[in-house]
Amino acid sequence: MSVVTRVFLWFLMVSVLWVLIYRFVNPPITLLMVLRNIELTTDGKPAKMEKEWVDFEDISDNMKRAAVSAEDQLFLKHIGFDVKAIEKAFQTNKKGKKIKGGSTISQQTAKNVFLWPGRSWLRKGFEAYFTLLIEMLWSKERILEVYLNVIEMGDGIYGAEAAAQAYFGKSCTKLSRSQAALIAACFPNPRRWTPVRPTQYIKHRQYLILKNMRRLGPLDF
């Protein structure tokens, strides 16, 4: 057996085991969290990592529906990839306009939990691989639970509970539709936008998310 084959089989075994473990064990930290703190300390600022895990059933339905309405309305129907969104993003990028991602919640979860930030083709390849793994080995509930607990929602703020406490002084279990939609409106760039001082653009995104929430109705897991 060649060295390349051994490395490949080792990677498959470790990655599958890693994903299986996180099906039952909550990810304690992500590489993005580590890198953000390195950036802060390099700039002479104190490290900051506000996060608190909340189980899926305890997260407000408003927050779950807002996230799906904002980021991935076909979340419950696809197997990790939204082909139409990817094609649309490709055409937009091809025209030289502002770069768009077209990533699903599953892809974002895979990226946040298992990989490093960036836009290289290598990372995209690993992202697709881990997306397929979590879609096969996790439930949709687990994917959304992990997503809403680890993604960046502000400067040093990770997950819905930390965001709800920081911006509204309450637990994410008690977020209103409007508050959840406002948090979700800032998902694309949480260090630039904040629910505390929403711009007109963010208020418009909040309006669209609320509209989508009404249209989608309850999430049928």
N, C-alpha and C. Protein backbone atom coordinates (compact mmCIF):
# COMPACT_ATOMS: atom_id res chain seq x y z
N MET A 1 0.85 -1.20 0.00
CA MET A 1 0.00 0.00 0.00
C MET A 1 0.88 1.25 0.00
N SER A 2 0.65 2.17 -0.94
CA SER A 2 1.49 3.36 -1.06
C SER A 2 1.21 4.34 0.08
N VAL A 3 2.14 5.29 0.24
CA VAL A 3 2.00 6.32 1.29
C VAL A 3 0.76 7.16 1.04
N VAL A 4 0.51 7.51 -0.23
CA VAL A 4 -0.65 8.34 -0.58
C VAL A 4 -1.95 7.62 -0.20
N THR A 5 -2.01 6.33 -0.50
CA THR A 5 -3.21 5.55 -0.16
C THR A 5 -3.41 5.49 1.35
N ARG A 6 -2.33 5.30 2.07
CA ARG A 6 -2.42 5.25 3.54
C ARG A 6 -2.91 6.57 4.11
N VAL A 7 -2.36 7.66 3.60
CA VAL A 7 -2.77 8.99 4.07
C VAL A 7 -4.25 9.23 3.78
N PHE A 8 -4.67 8.83 2.58
CA PHE A 8 -6.06 9.01 2.17
C PHE A 8 -7.00 8.20 3.08
N LEU A 9 -6.66 6.94 3.35
CA LEU A 9 -7.50 6.10 4.20
C LEU A 9 -7.50 6.62 5.64
N TRP A 10 -6.35 7.11 6.10
CA TRP A 10 -6.26 7.68 7.45
C TRP A 10 -7.16 8.91 7.55
N PHE A 11 -7.14 9.76 6.52
CA PHE A 11 -7.97 10.96 6.52
C PHE A 11 -9.46 10.59 6.55
N LEU A 12 -9.85 9.62 5.73
CA LEU A 12 -11.24 9.17 5.71
C LEU A 12 -11.69 8.68 7.07
N MET A 13 -10.85 7.85 7.69
CA MET A 13 -11.20 7.26 8.98
C MET A 13 -11.31 8.34 10.06
N VAL A 14 -10.35 9.24 10.11
CA VAL A 14 -10.34 10.29 11.14
C VAL A 14 -11.50 11.26 10.94
N SER A 15 -11.75 11.65 9.69
CA SER A 15 -12.81 12.62 9.42
C SER A 15 -14.19 12.05 9.75
N VAL A 16 -14.44 10.80 9.38
CA VAL A 16 -15.72 10.17 9.68
C VAL A 16 -15.90 10.04 11.20
N LEU A 17 -14.85 9.64 11.90
CA LEU A 17 -14.90 9.51 13.35
C LEU A 17 -15.16 10.87 14.01
N TRP A 18 -14.49 11.91 13.50
CA TRP A 18 -14.65 13.27 14.01
C TRP A 18 -16.10 13.74 13.88
N VAL A 19 -16.67 13.52 12.71
CA VAL A 19 -18.06 13.92 12.47
C VAL A 19 -19.01 13.10 13.35
N LEU A 20 -18.75 11.83 13.51
CA LEU A 20 -19.59 10.98 14.36
C LEU A 20 -19.55 11.43 15.82
N ILE A 21 -18.37 11.79 16.29
CA ILE A 21 -18.24 12.26 17.68
C ILE A 21 -19.07 13.52 17.89
N TYR A 22 -19.00 14.45 16.93
CA TYR A 22 -19.74 15.70 17.07
C TYR A 22 -21.24 15.54 16.83
N ARG A 23 -21.64 14.36 16.43
CA ARG A 23 -23.08 14.09 16.37
C ARG A 23 -23.65 14.04 17.79
N PHE A 24 -22.80 13.63 18.75
CA PHE A 24 -23.25 13.47 20.14
C PHE A 24 -22.57 14.44 21.10
N VAL A 25 -21.38 14.90 20.75
CA VAL A 25 -20.62 15.81 21.62
C VAL A 25 -20.62 17.20 21.01
N ASN A 26 -20.93 18.21 21.82
CA ASN A 26 -20.96 19.58 21.31
C ASN A 26 -19.55 20.10 21.06
N PRO A 27 -19.30 20.68 19.89
CA PRO A 27 -17.97 21.22 19.58
C PRO A 27 -17.57 22.27 20.61
N PRO A 28 -16.46 22.08 21.31
CA PRO A 28 -16.07 23.02 22.36
C PRO A 28 -15.54 24.35 21.83
N ILE A 29 -14.95 24.33 20.64
CA ILE A 29 -14.34 25.54 20.07
C ILE A 29 -14.16 25.32 18.57
N THR A 30 -14.01 26.40 17.82
CA THR A 30 -13.75 26.28 16.38
C THR A 30 -12.47 27.03 16.04
N LEU A 31 -11.92 26.72 14.88
CA LEU A 31 -10.69 27.38 14.45
C LEU A 31 -10.91 28.88 14.27
N LEU A 32 -12.10 29.27 13.80
CA LEU A 32 -12.40 30.68 13.63
C LEU A 32 -12.32 31.42 14.96
N MET A 33 -12.84 30.83 16.02
CA MET A 33 -12.77 31.45 17.34
C MET A 33 -11.32 31.68 17.76
N VAL A 34 -10.49 30.68 17.51
CA VAL A 34 -9.07 30.78 17.86
C VAL A 34 -8.40 31.89 17.04
N LEU A 35 -8.65 31.91 15.73
CA LEU A 35 -8.04 32.91 14.85
C LEU A 35 -8.49 34.32 15.21
N ARG A 36 -9.76 34.49 15.55
CA ARG A 36 -10.26 35.81 15.93
C ARG A 36 -9.54 36.32 17.18
N ASN A 37 -9.30 35.44 18.15
CA ASN A 37 -8.60 35.85 19.36
C ASN A 37 -7.13 36.14 19.11
N ILE A 38 -6.53 35.42 18.17
CA ILE A 38 -5.15 35.72 17.78
C ILE A 38 -5.08 37.11 17.16
N GLU A 39 -6.07 37.45 16.31
CA GLU A 39 -6.14 38.78 15.70
C GLU A 39 -6.26 39.86 16.77
N LEU A 40 -7.11 39.62 17.78
CA LEU A 40 -7.32 40.61 18.84
C LEU A 40 -6.04 40.83 19.65
N THR A 41 -5.39 39.74 20.06
CA THR A 41 -4.17 39.88 20.86
C THR A 41 -3.03 40.48 20.05
N THR A 42 -2.99 40.18 18.75
CA THR A 42 -1.97 40.78 17.88
C THR A 42 -2.15 42.29 17.79
N ASP A 43 -3.41 42.74 17.82
CA ASP A 43 -3.72 44.17 17.77
C ASP A 43 -3.65 44.82 19.15
N GLY A 44 -3.22 44.06 20.16
CA GLY A 44 -3.09 44.61 21.50
C GLY A 44 -4.41 44.71 22.24
N LYS A 45 -5.43 43.99 21.79
CA LYS A 45 -6.74 44.02 22.44
C LYS A 45 -6.94 42.75 23.27
N PRO A 46 -7.78 42.82 24.29
CA PRO A 46 -8.02 41.62 25.10
C PRO A 46 -8.80 40.56 24.32
N ALA A 47 -8.50 39.31 24.60
CA ALA A 47 -9.21 38.21 23.95
C ALA A 47 -10.68 38.24 24.37
N LYS A 48 -11.56 37.79 23.47
CA LYS A 48 -13.00 37.80 23.74
C LYS A 48 -13.66 36.61 23.09
N MET A 49 -14.38 35.84 23.88
CA MET A 49 -15.08 34.69 23.33
C MET A 49 -16.34 34.44 24.17
N GLU A 50 -17.42 35.07 23.79
CA GLU A 50 -18.69 34.89 24.49
C GLU A 50 -19.49 33.81 23.78
N LYS A 51 -19.78 32.73 24.48
CA LYS A 51 -20.56 31.64 23.89
C LYS A 51 -21.16 30.80 25.01
N GLU A 52 -22.34 30.28 24.75
CA GLU A 52 -23.02 29.39 25.70
C GLU A 52 -23.93 28.45 24.93
N TRP A 53 -23.71 27.17 25.08
CA TRP A 53 -24.46 26.19 24.31
C TRP A 53 -25.90 26.09 24.80
N VAL A 54 -26.83 26.05 23.84
CA VAL A 54 -28.25 25.85 24.15
C VAL A 54 -28.74 24.69 23.28
N ASP A 55 -29.38 23.71 23.91
CA ASP A 55 -29.88 22.55 23.17
C ASP A 55 -30.95 22.96 22.16
N PHE A 56 -31.10 22.15 21.13
CA PHE A 56 -32.00 22.46 20.03
C PHE A 56 -33.41 22.79 20.50
N GLU A 57 -33.95 21.96 21.38
CA GLU A 57 -35.35 22.17 21.81
C GLU A 57 -35.53 23.44 22.63
N ASP A 58 -34.43 23.98 23.17
CA ASP A 58 -34.52 25.19 24.00
C ASP A 58 -34.29 26.48 23.20
N ILE A 59 -33.84 26.36 21.98
CA ILE A 59 -33.66 27.55 21.13
C ILE A 59 -35.04 27.99 20.63
N SER A 60 -35.29 29.27 20.69
CA SER A 60 -36.59 29.80 20.25
C SER A 60 -36.89 29.37 18.82
N ASP A 61 -38.14 28.93 18.59
CA ASP A 61 -38.55 28.61 17.22
C ASP A 61 -38.40 29.82 16.32
N ASN A 62 -38.56 31.00 16.89
CA ASN A 62 -38.37 32.23 16.10
C ASN A 62 -36.95 32.34 15.57
N MET A 63 -35.97 31.95 16.40
CA MET A 63 -34.57 32.02 15.97
C MET A 63 -34.28 30.97 14.90
N LYS A 64 -34.82 29.78 15.06
CA LYS A 64 -34.63 28.73 14.07
C LYS A 64 -35.22 29.13 12.72
N ARG A 65 -36.46 29.63 12.76
CA ARG A 65 -37.14 30.02 11.53
C ARG A 65 -36.48 31.23 10.88
N ALA A 66 -35.97 32.15 11.70
CA ALA A 66 -35.29 33.33 11.16
C ALA A 66 -34.01 32.92 10.43
N ALA A 67 -33.27 31.99 11.03
CA ALA A 67 -32.01 31.54 10.41
C ALA A 67 -32.28 30.86 9.07
N VAL A 68 -33.27 29.98 9.04
CA VAL A 68 -33.62 29.27 7.79
C VAL A 68 -34.15 30.27 6.77
N SER A 69 -34.99 31.19 7.19
CA SER A 69 -35.56 32.19 6.28
C SER A 69 -34.49 33.11 5.70
N ALA A 70 -33.47 33.41 6.49
CA ALA A 70 -32.42 34.33 6.05
C ALA A 70 -31.35 33.65 5.19
N GLU A 71 -30.99 32.42 5.57
CA GLU A 71 -29.81 31.80 4.97
C GLU A 71 -30.07 30.64 4.03
N ASP A 72 -31.18 29.90 4.24
CA ASP A 72 -31.31 28.64 3.51
C ASP A 72 -32.75 28.13 3.57
N GLN A 73 -33.62 28.70 2.74
CA GLN A 73 -35.04 28.38 2.83
C GLN A 73 -35.37 26.95 2.40
N LEU A 74 -34.44 26.31 1.71
CA LEU A 74 -34.65 24.91 1.30
C LEU A 74 -33.91 23.94 2.21
N PHE A 75 -33.52 24.41 3.39
CA PHE A 75 -32.71 23.62 4.32
C PHE A 75 -33.27 22.22 4.57
N LEU A 76 -34.57 22.13 4.79
CA LEU A 76 -35.17 20.84 5.12
C LEU A 76 -35.36 19.94 3.90
N LYS A 77 -35.15 20.47 2.71
CA LYS A 77 -35.43 19.71 1.49
C LYS A 77 -34.17 19.23 0.77
N HIS A 78 -33.06 19.96 0.88
CA HIS A 78 -31.86 19.57 0.13
C HIS A 78 -30.99 18.62 0.94
N ILE A 79 -29.96 18.09 0.29
CA ILE A 79 -29.02 17.19 0.97
C ILE A 79 -27.67 17.86 1.15
N GLY A 80 -27.72 19.16 1.45
CA GLY A 80 -26.49 19.88 1.76
C GLY A 80 -26.15 20.99 0.79
N PHE A 81 -26.70 20.93 -0.43
CA PHE A 81 -26.34 21.91 -1.45
C PHE A 81 -27.60 22.44 -2.15
N ASP A 82 -27.64 23.74 -2.37
CA ASP A 82 -28.72 24.37 -3.11
C ASP A 82 -28.17 24.68 -4.51
N VAL A 83 -28.43 23.81 -5.45
CA VAL A 83 -27.84 23.92 -6.79
C VAL A 83 -28.20 25.24 -7.46
N LYS A 84 -29.45 25.66 -7.35
CA LYS A 84 -29.88 26.91 -7.98
C LYS A 84 -29.15 28.11 -7.39
N ALA A 85 -28.97 28.11 -6.07
CA ALA A 85 -28.26 29.22 -5.41
C ALA A 85 -26.80 29.25 -5.83
N ILE A 86 -26.20 28.07 -5.98
CA ILE A 86 -24.80 27.99 -6.41
C ILE A 86 -24.65 28.51 -7.84
N GLU A 87 -25.58 28.11 -8.72
CA GLU A 87 -25.54 28.57 -10.11
C GLU A 87 -25.72 30.09 -10.19
N LYS A 88 -26.64 30.62 -9.39
CA LYS A 88 -26.89 32.06 -9.36
C LYS A 88 -25.65 32.82 -8.87
N ALA A 89 -25.02 32.29 -7.83
CA ALA A 89 -23.81 32.92 -7.29
C ALA A 89 -22.68 32.87 -8.32
N PHE A 90 -22.58 31.74 -9.04
CA PHE A 90 -21.54 31.59 -10.07
C PHE A 90 -21.72 32.61 -11.18
N GLN A 91 -22.96 32.80 -11.63
CA GLN A 91 -23.24 33.76 -12.70
C GLN A 91 -22.97 35.18 -12.25
N THR A 92 -23.32 35.49 -11.00
CA THR A 92 -23.07 36.83 -10.45
C THR A 92 -21.58 37.11 -10.38
N ASN A 93 -20.83 36.14 -9.87
CA ASN A 93 -19.38 36.30 -9.74
C ASN A 93 -18.70 36.37 -11.11
N LYS A 94 -19.26 35.63 -12.08
CA LYS A 94 -18.72 35.60 -13.43
C LYS A 94 -18.81 36.96 -14.10
N LYS A 95 -19.87 37.71 -13.76
CA LYS A 95 -20.08 39.04 -14.33
C LYS A 95 -19.20 40.11 -13.67
N GLY A 96 -18.44 39.67 -12.66
CA GLY A 96 -17.52 40.60 -12.00
C GLY A 96 -18.18 41.44 -10.94
N LYS A 97 -19.40 41.06 -10.55
CA LYS A 97 -20.08 41.79 -9.50
C LYS A 97 -19.56 41.32 -8.15
N LYS A 98 -20.16 41.86 -7.07
CA LYS A 98 -19.74 41.50 -5.73
C LYS A 98 -19.85 39.99 -5.54
N ILE A 99 -18.81 39.39 -4.97
CA ILE A 99 -18.76 37.95 -4.80
C ILE A 99 -19.85 37.45 -3.86
N LYS A 100 -20.59 36.46 -4.32
CA LYS A 100 -21.63 35.84 -3.52
C LYS A 100 -21.29 34.38 -3.30
N GLY A 101 -21.75 33.83 -2.16
CA GLY A 101 -21.39 32.47 -1.82
C GLY A 101 -22.39 31.42 -2.25
N GLY A 102 -23.66 31.59 -1.87
CA GLY A 102 -24.66 30.59 -2.17
C GLY A 102 -24.57 29.38 -1.27
N SER A 103 -23.92 29.53 -0.10
CA SER A 103 -23.73 28.40 0.81
C SER A 103 -25.00 28.12 1.62
N THR A 104 -25.28 26.85 1.82
CA THR A 104 -26.40 26.43 2.64
C THR A 104 -26.00 26.45 4.12
N ILE A 105 -26.98 26.26 4.99
CA ILE A 105 -26.69 26.15 6.42
C ILE A 105 -25.78 24.96 6.68
N SER A 106 -25.99 23.87 5.95
CA SER A 106 -25.14 22.68 6.12
C SER A 106 -23.69 23.00 5.74
N GLN A 107 -23.49 23.70 4.63
CA GLN A 107 -22.14 24.07 4.21
C GLN A 107 -21.49 25.01 5.21
N GLN A 108 -22.25 25.97 5.71
CA GLN A 108 -21.70 26.91 6.69
C GLN A 108 -21.34 26.21 7.99
N THR A 109 -22.15 25.23 8.38
CA THR A 109 -21.85 24.46 9.58
C THR A 109 -20.56 23.66 9.40
N ALA A 110 -20.43 23.00 8.26
CA ALA A 110 -19.22 22.23 7.97
C ALA A 110 -17.99 23.12 8.00
N LYS A 111 -18.11 24.28 7.38
CA LYS A 111 -16.99 25.23 7.32
C LYS A 111 -16.61 25.71 8.72
N ASN A 112 -17.61 26.10 9.50
CA ASN A 112 -17.34 26.68 10.82
C ASN A 112 -16.78 25.66 11.81
N VAL A 113 -17.28 24.44 11.75
CA VAL A 113 -16.89 23.44 12.75
C VAL A 113 -15.60 22.71 12.40
N PHE A 114 -15.40 22.39 11.13
CA PHE A 114 -14.29 21.51 10.76
C PHE A 114 -13.15 22.18 9.99
N LEU A 115 -13.35 23.41 9.51
CA LEU A 115 -12.37 24.00 8.62
C LEU A 115 -11.91 25.39 9.05
N TRP A 116 -11.10 25.99 8.22
CA TRP A 116 -10.55 27.31 8.45
C TRP A 116 -11.25 28.32 7.53
N PRO A 117 -11.22 29.62 7.90
CA PRO A 117 -11.83 30.64 7.03
C PRO A 117 -11.03 30.77 5.73
N GLY A 118 -11.69 31.19 4.67
CA GLY A 118 -10.99 31.40 3.40
C GLY A 118 -11.86 31.06 2.22
N ARG A 119 -11.33 31.33 1.01
CA ARG A 119 -12.11 31.10 -0.21
C ARG A 119 -11.36 30.26 -1.24
N SER A 120 -10.36 29.51 -0.82
CA SER A 120 -9.59 28.71 -1.77
C SER A 120 -10.40 27.52 -2.26
N TRP A 121 -10.02 27.00 -3.43
CA TRP A 121 -10.69 25.82 -3.99
C TRP A 121 -10.45 24.60 -3.12
N LEU A 122 -9.27 24.54 -2.47
CA LEU A 122 -8.97 23.42 -1.58
C LEU A 122 -9.95 23.40 -0.42
N ARG A 123 -10.15 24.57 0.19
CA ARG A 123 -11.08 24.63 1.32
C ARG A 123 -12.50 24.33 0.89
N LYS A 124 -12.87 24.80 -0.32
CA LYS A 124 -14.21 24.52 -0.85
C LYS A 124 -14.41 23.02 -1.04
N GLY A 125 -13.34 22.34 -1.48
CA GLY A 125 -13.43 20.89 -1.66
C GLY A 125 -13.65 20.18 -0.33
N PHE A 126 -12.89 20.56 0.69
CA PHE A 126 -13.08 19.98 2.02
C PHE A 126 -14.47 20.32 2.56
N GLU A 127 -14.93 21.53 2.28
CA GLU A 127 -16.25 21.96 2.74
C GLU A 127 -17.34 21.06 2.16
N ALA A 128 -17.24 20.78 0.87
CA ALA A 128 -18.22 19.90 0.22
C ALA A 128 -18.18 18.50 0.84
N TYR A 129 -16.98 18.01 1.11
CA TYR A 129 -16.82 16.68 1.70
C TYR A 129 -17.46 16.60 3.08
N PHE A 130 -17.14 17.57 3.95
CA PHE A 130 -17.69 17.56 5.30
C PHE A 130 -19.19 17.85 5.29
N THR A 131 -19.66 18.61 4.31
CA THR A 131 -21.10 18.86 4.19
C THR A 131 -21.84 17.54 3.93
N LEU A 132 -21.31 16.75 3.02
CA LEU A 132 -21.92 15.44 2.73
C LEU A 132 -21.89 14.53 3.96
N LEU A 133 -20.78 14.59 4.70
CA LEU A 133 -20.67 13.74 5.89
C LEU A 133 -21.71 14.10 6.94
N ILE A 134 -21.87 15.41 7.23
CA ILE A 134 -22.83 15.77 8.28
C ILE A 134 -24.26 15.52 7.81
N GLU A 135 -24.51 15.66 6.51
CA GLU A 135 -25.84 15.37 6.00
C GLU A 135 -26.16 13.87 6.13
N MET A 136 -25.15 13.03 6.00
CA MET A 136 -25.35 11.59 6.10
C MET A 136 -25.39 11.11 7.55
N LEU A 137 -24.58 11.73 8.41
CA LEU A 137 -24.40 11.20 9.76
C LEU A 137 -25.13 11.99 10.85
N TRP A 138 -25.57 13.20 10.54
CA TRP A 138 -26.32 14.00 11.51
C TRP A 138 -27.77 14.16 11.03
N SER A 139 -28.64 14.50 11.95
CA SER A 139 -30.01 14.87 11.58
C SER A 139 -30.03 16.35 11.21
N LYS A 140 -31.11 16.80 10.57
CA LYS A 140 -31.25 18.22 10.26
C LYS A 140 -31.31 19.04 11.55
N GLU A 141 -31.95 18.47 12.59
CA GLU A 141 -32.01 19.16 13.87
C GLU A 141 -30.61 19.41 14.43
N ARG A 142 -29.75 18.39 14.33
CA ARG A 142 -28.39 18.52 14.86
C ARG A 142 -27.60 19.56 14.06
N ILE A 143 -27.76 19.56 12.75
CA ILE A 143 -27.05 20.54 11.92
C ILE A 143 -27.45 21.96 12.31
N LEU A 144 -28.75 22.20 12.44
CA LEU A 144 -29.22 23.54 12.80
C LEU A 144 -28.83 23.90 14.23
N GLU A 145 -28.85 22.92 15.12
CA GLU A 145 -28.45 23.16 16.51
C GLU A 145 -26.99 23.61 16.58
N VAL A 146 -26.12 22.88 15.91
CA VAL A 146 -24.70 23.22 15.92
C VAL A 146 -24.48 24.58 15.25
N TYR A 147 -25.14 24.79 14.13
CA TYR A 147 -25.03 26.07 13.41
C TYR A 147 -25.36 27.24 14.31
N LEU A 148 -26.49 27.16 15.02
CA LEU A 148 -26.96 28.27 15.84
C LEU A 148 -26.18 28.42 17.14
N ASN A 149 -25.27 27.49 17.41
CA ASN A 149 -24.45 27.59 18.61
C ASN A 149 -23.01 27.98 18.35
N VAL A 150 -22.54 27.87 17.11
CA VAL A 150 -21.12 28.14 16.86
C VAL A 150 -20.83 29.30 15.92
N ILE A 151 -21.81 29.71 15.09
CA ILE A 151 -21.48 30.75 14.11
C ILE A 151 -21.22 32.10 14.78
N GLU A 152 -20.40 32.88 14.11
CA GLU A 152 -20.04 34.22 14.60
C GLU A 152 -21.25 35.14 14.46
N MET A 153 -21.63 35.80 15.56
CA MET A 153 -22.77 36.70 15.55
C MET A 153 -22.42 38.09 16.05
N GLY A 154 -21.14 38.38 16.06
CA GLY A 154 -20.66 39.68 16.50
C GLY A 154 -19.19 39.59 16.84
N ASP A 155 -18.60 40.67 17.26
CA ASP A 155 -17.18 40.69 17.60
C ASP A 155 -16.95 39.90 18.89
N GLY A 156 -16.44 38.69 18.77
CA GLY A 156 -16.23 37.83 19.93
C GLY A 156 -17.49 37.18 20.46
N ILE A 157 -18.57 37.26 19.69
CA ILE A 157 -19.86 36.69 20.09
C ILE A 157 -20.19 35.51 19.17
N TYR A 158 -20.41 34.34 19.77
CA TYR A 158 -20.66 33.14 18.98
C TYR A 158 -21.93 32.43 19.48
N GLY A 159 -22.84 32.19 18.58
CA GLY A 159 -24.05 31.46 18.90
C GLY A 159 -25.21 32.36 19.30
N ALA A 160 -26.40 31.79 19.18
CA ALA A 160 -27.63 32.55 19.41
C ALA A 160 -27.79 33.01 20.85
N GLU A 161 -27.35 32.20 21.82
CA GLU A 161 -27.52 32.58 23.23
C GLU A 161 -26.67 33.80 23.57
N ALA A 162 -25.41 33.77 23.17
CA ALA A 162 -24.53 34.92 23.44
C ALA A 162 -25.02 36.17 22.73
N ALA A 163 -25.53 36.00 21.50
CA ALA A 163 -26.05 37.13 20.74
C ALA A 163 -27.29 37.72 21.41
N ALA A 164 -28.20 36.85 21.82
CA ALA A 164 -29.44 37.32 22.47
C ALA A 164 -29.12 38.06 23.77
N GLN A 165 -28.19 37.53 24.54
CA GLN A 165 -27.80 38.19 25.79
C GLN A 165 -27.11 39.54 25.54
N ALA A 166 -26.22 39.56 24.52
CA ALA A 166 -25.47 40.78 24.23
C ALA A 166 -26.35 41.89 23.66
N TYR A 167 -27.27 41.54 22.78
CA TYR A 167 -28.04 42.56 22.05
C TYR A 167 -29.40 42.88 22.67
N PHE A 168 -29.99 41.89 23.38
CA PHE A 168 -31.34 42.12 23.91
C PHE A 168 -31.48 41.82 25.40
N GLY A 169 -30.38 41.36 26.03
CA GLY A 169 -30.41 41.12 27.46
C GLY A 169 -31.36 40.01 27.88
N LYS A 170 -31.53 39.01 27.02
CA LYS A 170 -32.42 37.89 27.32
C LYS A 170 -31.86 36.63 26.70
N SER A 171 -32.40 35.49 27.11
CA SER A 171 -31.98 34.21 26.55
C SER A 171 -32.56 34.04 25.14
N CYS A 172 -31.88 33.26 24.33
CA CYS A 172 -32.38 33.00 22.97
C CYS A 172 -33.66 32.18 22.99
N THR A 173 -33.99 31.60 24.13
CA THR A 173 -35.24 30.87 24.26
C THR A 173 -36.44 31.80 24.23
N LYS A 174 -36.21 33.10 24.47
CA LYS A 174 -37.30 34.07 24.60
C LYS A 174 -37.29 35.15 23.52
N LEU A 175 -36.53 34.93 22.46
CA LEU A 175 -36.45 35.94 21.41
C LEU A 175 -37.79 36.07 20.66
N SER A 176 -38.17 37.30 20.40
CA SER A 176 -39.38 37.54 19.60
C SER A 176 -39.05 37.33 18.12
N ARG A 177 -40.06 37.31 17.28
CA ARG A 177 -39.86 37.16 15.84
C ARG A 177 -39.00 38.30 15.32
N SER A 178 -39.32 39.52 15.74
CA SER A 178 -38.60 40.70 15.27
C SER A 178 -37.13 40.67 15.69
N GLN A 179 -36.87 40.30 16.95
CA GLN A 179 -35.50 40.24 17.45
C GLN A 179 -34.69 39.15 16.75
N ALA A 180 -35.29 37.99 16.57
CA ALA A 180 -34.61 36.89 15.88
C ALA A 180 -34.29 37.27 14.45
N ALA A 181 -35.23 37.91 13.77
CA ALA A 181 -35.01 38.33 12.38
C ALA A 181 -33.91 39.38 12.29
N LEU A 182 -33.82 40.25 13.29
CA LEU A 182 -32.78 41.28 13.29
C LEU A 182 -31.39 40.67 13.47
N ILE A 183 -31.29 39.69 14.35
CA ILE A 183 -30.01 38.98 14.52
C ILE A 183 -29.62 38.27 13.23
N ALA A 184 -30.59 37.57 12.62
CA ALA A 184 -30.32 36.83 11.38
C ALA A 184 -29.97 37.76 10.23
N ALA A 185 -30.50 38.97 10.25
CA ALA A 185 -30.21 39.94 9.18
C ALA A 185 -28.74 40.32 9.15
N CYS A 186 -28.05 40.15 10.29
CA CYS A 186 -26.63 40.52 10.37
C CYS A 186 -25.69 39.35 10.10
N PHE A 187 -26.24 38.15 9.85
CA PHE A 187 -25.41 36.96 9.64
C PHE A 187 -24.32 37.11 8.58
N PRO A 188 -24.61 37.74 7.42
CA PRO A 188 -23.58 37.79 6.37
C PRO A 188 -22.29 38.49 6.79
N ASN A 189 -22.38 39.48 7.68
CA ASN A 189 -21.18 40.21 8.12
C ASN A 189 -21.39 40.70 9.55
N PRO A 190 -21.33 39.78 10.54
CA PRO A 190 -21.68 40.13 11.92
C PRO A 190 -20.72 41.08 12.61
N ARG A 191 -19.51 41.26 12.07
CA ARG A 191 -18.59 42.21 12.70
C ARG A 191 -18.76 43.62 12.13
N ARG A 192 -19.45 43.72 11.01
CA ARG A 192 -19.73 45.02 10.40
C ARG A 192 -21.10 45.54 10.81
N TRP A 193 -22.07 44.63 10.85
CA TRP A 193 -23.44 45.00 11.19
C TRP A 193 -23.80 44.53 12.59
N THR A 194 -24.67 45.26 13.26
CA THR A 194 -25.09 44.89 14.61
C THR A 194 -26.57 45.19 14.82
N PRO A 195 -27.28 44.31 15.53
CA PRO A 195 -28.68 44.57 15.84
C PRO A 195 -28.88 45.80 16.73
N VAL A 196 -27.80 46.22 17.40
CA VAL A 196 -27.91 47.38 18.29
C VAL A 196 -28.10 48.67 17.50
N ARG A 197 -27.41 48.77 16.37
CA ARG A 197 -27.51 49.97 15.51
C ARG A 197 -27.76 49.53 14.07
N PRO A 198 -28.95 49.01 13.80
CA PRO A 198 -29.22 48.50 12.44
C PRO A 198 -29.29 49.62 11.41
N THR A 199 -28.62 49.42 10.29
CA THR A 199 -28.70 50.37 9.19
C THR A 199 -30.02 50.17 8.45
N GLN A 200 -30.32 51.04 7.50
CA GLN A 200 -31.54 50.89 6.72
C GLN A 200 -31.51 49.58 5.93
N TYR A 201 -30.30 49.22 5.47
CA TYR A 201 -30.15 47.96 4.74
C TYR A 201 -30.51 46.77 5.64
N ILE A 202 -30.03 46.79 6.88
CA ILE A 202 -30.31 45.70 7.81
C ILE A 202 -31.79 45.68 8.18
N LYS A 203 -32.40 46.84 8.33
CA LYS A 203 -33.83 46.89 8.62
C LYS A 203 -34.65 46.30 7.46
N HIS A 204 -34.16 46.55 6.24
CA HIS A 204 -34.85 45.99 5.08
C HIS A 204 -34.69 44.48 5.05
N ARG A 205 -33.48 44.00 5.36
CA ARG A 205 -33.26 42.55 5.43
C ARG A 205 -34.15 41.93 6.51
N GLN A 206 -34.27 42.60 7.64
CA GLN A 206 -35.15 42.12 8.71
C GLN A 206 -36.59 41.99 8.21
N TYR A 207 -37.05 42.99 7.47
CA TYR A 207 -38.40 42.97 6.91
C TYR A 207 -38.58 41.77 5.98
N LEU A 208 -37.60 41.52 5.11
CA LEU A 208 -37.68 40.40 4.17
C LEU A 208 -37.66 39.06 4.90
N ILE A 209 -36.85 38.97 5.95
CA ILE A 209 -36.77 37.73 6.73
C ILE A 209 -38.10 37.46 7.43
N LEU A 210 -38.69 38.49 8.01
CA LEU A 210 -39.99 38.34 8.66
C LEU A 210 -41.05 37.88 7.64
N LYS A 211 -40.96 38.44 6.45
CA LYS A 211 -41.88 38.06 5.38
C LYS A 211 -41.70 36.58 5.02
N ASN A 212 -40.44 36.16 4.92
CA ASN A 212 -40.15 34.75 4.61
C ASN A 212 -40.60 33.83 5.75
N MET A 213 -40.46 34.29 6.99
CA MET A 213 -40.87 33.49 8.15
C MET A 213 -42.38 33.22 8.10
N ARG A 214 -43.13 34.25 7.73
CA ARG A 214 -44.58 34.07 7.62
C ARG A 214 -44.93 33.10 6.51
N ARG A 215 -44.18 33.19 5.42
CA ARG A 215 -44.46 32.34 4.25
C ARG A 215 -44.10 30.88 4.53
N LEU A 216 -42.96 30.67 5.20
CA LEU A 216 -42.49 29.32 5.47
C LEU A 216 -43.31 28.61 6.55
N GLY A 217 -43.79 29.39 7.53
CA GLY A 217 -44.56 28.79 8.61
C GLY A 217 -43.67 27.96 9.53
N PRO A 218 -44.25 27.06 10.33
CA PRO A 218 -43.47 26.22 11.25
C PRO A 218 -42.52 25.29 10.49
N LEU A 219 -41.34 25.03 11.08
CA LEU A 219 -40.40 24.11 10.47
C LEU A 219 -40.80 22.68 10.80
N ASP A 220 -40.93 21.85 9.79
CA ASP A 220 -41.40 20.49 9.95
C ASP A 220 -40.22 19.52 9.93
N PHE A 221 -39.60 19.29 11.10
CA PHE A 221 -38.44 18.40 11.18
C PHE A 221 -38.89 16.95 11.23
